[in-house]
Amino acid sequence: MMINDYANVDCPGVTPAVNQFLHECNDEIEEIGYHRIEFCNGNKIIPVNLIDIFLKFKN
């Protein structure tokens, strides 16, 4: 499962919803990973507070 817009200030409902989901499904989740999204302006990386969350569930 992939979750987009975590920690995105333009989508304020995503972070609390994901946190609640993770709390409620904690026993079923095997692995959690994330990827911070970076934008580039020419060669300069501009860090932004956007994170994709990846979940792997137990079989």
N, C-alpha and C. Protein backbone atom coordinates (compact mmCIF):
# COMPACT_ATOMS: atom_id res chain seq x y z
N MET A 1 0.85 -1.17 0.00
CA MET A 1 0.00 0.00 0.00
C MET A 1 0.90 1.23 0.00
N MET A 2 0.52 2.23 -0.75
CA MET A 2 1.27 3.49 -0.79
C MET A 2 0.34 4.63 -0.40
N ILE A 3 0.84 5.53 0.42
CA ILE A 3 0.07 6.69 0.88
C ILE A 3 0.82 7.94 0.43
N ASN A 4 0.12 8.84 -0.20
CA ASN A 4 0.72 10.06 -0.73
C ASN A 4 0.24 11.26 0.08
N ASP A 5 0.99 12.34 0.04
CA ASP A 5 0.67 13.62 0.66
C ASP A 5 0.73 13.62 2.19
N TYR A 6 1.43 12.65 2.78
CA TYR A 6 1.63 12.68 4.22
C TYR A 6 2.48 13.91 4.56
N ALA A 7 2.11 14.65 5.55
CA ALA A 7 2.81 15.86 6.00
C ALA A 7 2.70 17.01 5.00
N ASN A 8 1.75 16.95 4.09
CA ASN A 8 1.53 18.02 3.13
C ASN A 8 0.57 19.03 3.74
N VAL A 9 1.03 20.27 3.92
CA VAL A 9 0.18 21.29 4.55
C VAL A 9 -1.03 21.64 3.69
N ASP A 10 -0.96 21.33 2.40
CA ASP A 10 -2.09 21.59 1.52
C ASP A 10 -3.18 20.52 1.63
N CYS A 11 -2.87 19.43 2.30
CA CYS A 11 -3.82 18.33 2.51
C CYS A 11 -3.83 17.98 4.00
N PRO A 12 -4.33 18.86 4.85
CA PRO A 12 -4.18 18.69 6.30
C PRO A 12 -4.86 17.46 6.89
N GLY A 13 -5.82 16.87 6.21
CA GLY A 13 -6.50 15.70 6.75
C GLY A 13 -5.75 14.40 6.56
N VAL A 14 -4.76 14.38 5.67
CA VAL A 14 -4.06 13.13 5.35
C VAL A 14 -3.24 12.63 6.53
N THR A 15 -2.43 13.47 7.14
CA THR A 15 -1.54 13.03 8.21
C THR A 15 -2.30 12.45 9.40
N PRO A 16 -3.32 13.12 9.95
CA PRO A 16 -4.03 12.50 11.07
C PRO A 16 -4.77 11.22 10.68
N ALA A 17 -5.29 11.16 9.45
CA ALA A 17 -5.98 9.94 9.00
C ALA A 17 -5.00 8.78 8.89
N VAL A 18 -3.82 9.03 8.34
CA VAL A 18 -2.81 7.98 8.22
C VAL A 18 -2.34 7.55 9.60
N ASN A 19 -2.10 8.49 10.49
CA ASN A 19 -1.66 8.15 11.85
C ASN A 19 -2.69 7.27 12.55
N GLN A 20 -3.96 7.59 12.40
CA GLN A 20 -5.02 6.78 13.01
C GLN A 20 -5.03 5.38 12.38
N PHE A 21 -4.93 5.31 11.06
CA PHE A 21 -4.90 4.02 10.36
C PHE A 21 -3.73 3.18 10.84
N LEU A 22 -2.54 3.77 10.94
CA LEU A 22 -1.36 3.03 11.39
C LEU A 22 -1.54 2.53 12.82
N HIS A 23 -2.13 3.34 13.66
CA HIS A 23 -2.37 2.94 15.05
C HIS A 23 -3.36 1.77 15.11
N GLU A 24 -4.43 1.85 14.35
CA GLU A 24 -5.47 0.81 14.38
C GLU A 24 -5.03 -0.49 13.71
N CYS A 25 -4.14 -0.41 12.73
CA CYS A 25 -3.72 -1.61 11.98
C CYS A 25 -2.30 -2.04 12.32
N ASN A 26 -1.77 -1.56 13.41
CA ASN A 26 -0.37 -1.81 13.77
C ASN A 26 -0.02 -3.30 13.78
N ASP A 27 -0.90 -4.15 14.29
CA ASP A 27 -0.62 -5.58 14.38
C ASP A 27 -0.57 -6.27 13.02
N GLU A 28 -1.15 -5.66 12.01
CA GLU A 28 -1.21 -6.27 10.67
C GLU A 28 -0.10 -5.78 9.74
N ILE A 29 0.66 -4.77 10.16
CA ILE A 29 1.70 -4.17 9.33
C ILE A 29 3.04 -4.81 9.63
N GLU A 30 3.70 -5.29 8.58
CA GLU A 30 5.02 -5.92 8.73
C GLU A 30 6.14 -4.90 8.62
N GLU A 31 5.98 -3.95 7.71
CA GLU A 31 7.07 -3.00 7.44
C GLU A 31 6.50 -1.66 7.00
N ILE A 32 7.14 -0.58 7.46
CA ILE A 32 6.76 0.77 7.05
C ILE A 32 8.00 1.45 6.49
N GLY A 33 7.87 2.04 5.33
CA GLY A 33 8.96 2.79 4.74
C GLY A 33 8.45 4.14 4.27
N TYR A 34 9.37 5.02 3.95
CA TYR A 34 8.96 6.33 3.49
C TYR A 34 9.97 6.87 2.48
N HIS A 35 9.52 7.84 1.74
CA HIS A 35 10.36 8.52 0.76
C HIS A 35 10.03 10.00 0.82
N ARG A 36 11.02 10.82 1.11
CA ARG A 36 10.82 12.27 1.13
C ARG A 36 10.91 12.78 -0.30
N ILE A 37 9.97 13.60 -0.68
CA ILE A 37 9.93 14.14 -2.03
C ILE A 37 10.74 15.43 -2.07
N GLU A 38 11.65 15.51 -3.02
CA GLU A 38 12.46 16.72 -3.20
C GLU A 38 12.21 17.28 -4.59
N PHE A 39 12.12 18.56 -4.68
CA PHE A 39 12.00 19.23 -5.97
C PHE A 39 13.33 19.89 -6.30
N CYS A 40 13.61 20.04 -7.58
CA CYS A 40 14.85 20.67 -8.02
C CYS A 40 14.55 21.93 -8.81
N ASN A 41 15.34 22.95 -8.57
CA ASN A 41 15.31 24.19 -9.33
C ASN A 41 16.68 24.29 -9.98
N GLY A 42 16.76 23.85 -11.21
CA GLY A 42 18.09 23.72 -11.84
C GLY A 42 18.81 22.58 -11.17
N ASN A 43 19.97 22.84 -10.61
CA ASN A 43 20.74 21.82 -9.89
C ASN A 43 20.55 21.91 -8.39
N LYS A 44 19.77 22.85 -7.93
CA LYS A 44 19.58 23.05 -6.50
C LYS A 44 18.34 22.26 -6.03
N ILE A 45 18.56 21.36 -5.07
CA ILE A 45 17.45 20.59 -4.50
C ILE A 45 16.71 21.47 -3.50
N ILE A 46 15.41 21.51 -3.63
CA ILE A 46 14.57 22.29 -2.73
C ILE A 46 13.77 21.30 -1.88
N PRO A 47 14.15 21.11 -0.61
CA PRO A 47 13.40 20.16 0.22
C PRO A 47 12.01 20.69 0.54
N VAL A 48 11.05 19.83 0.44
CA VAL A 48 9.68 20.17 0.80
C VAL A 48 9.18 19.12 1.78
N ASN A 49 8.15 19.45 2.49
CA ASN A 49 7.64 18.56 3.51
C ASN A 49 6.55 17.66 2.94
N LEU A 50 6.91 16.88 1.94
CA LEU A 50 6.01 15.90 1.36
C LEU A 50 6.63 14.53 1.51
N ILE A 51 5.85 13.58 1.97
CA ILE A 51 6.38 12.25 2.23
C ILE A 51 5.40 11.21 1.67
N ASP A 52 5.94 10.22 0.97
CA ASP A 52 5.17 9.05 0.56
C ASP A 52 5.46 7.95 1.58
N ILE A 53 4.42 7.28 2.03
CA ILE A 53 4.54 6.18 2.99
C ILE A 53 4.25 4.87 2.26
N PHE A 54 5.09 3.86 2.50
CA PHE A 54 4.90 2.54 1.91
C PHE A 54 4.64 1.55 3.04
N LEU A 55 3.61 0.75 2.90
CA LEU A 55 3.27 -0.25 3.92
C LEU A 55 3.32 -1.65 3.32
N LYS A 56 3.90 -2.57 4.07
CA LYS A 56 3.87 -3.98 3.70
C LYS A 56 3.11 -4.70 4.81
N PHE A 57 2.08 -5.41 4.43
CA PHE A 57 1.24 -6.10 5.41
C PHE A 57 1.68 -7.54 5.58
N LYS A 58 1.46 -8.07 6.77
CA LYS A 58 1.75 -9.48 7.04
C LYS A 58 0.81 -10.35 6.21
N ASN A 59 1.26 -11.53 5.85
CA ASN A 59 0.43 -12.46 5.08
C ASN A 59 -0.61 -13.11 5.96
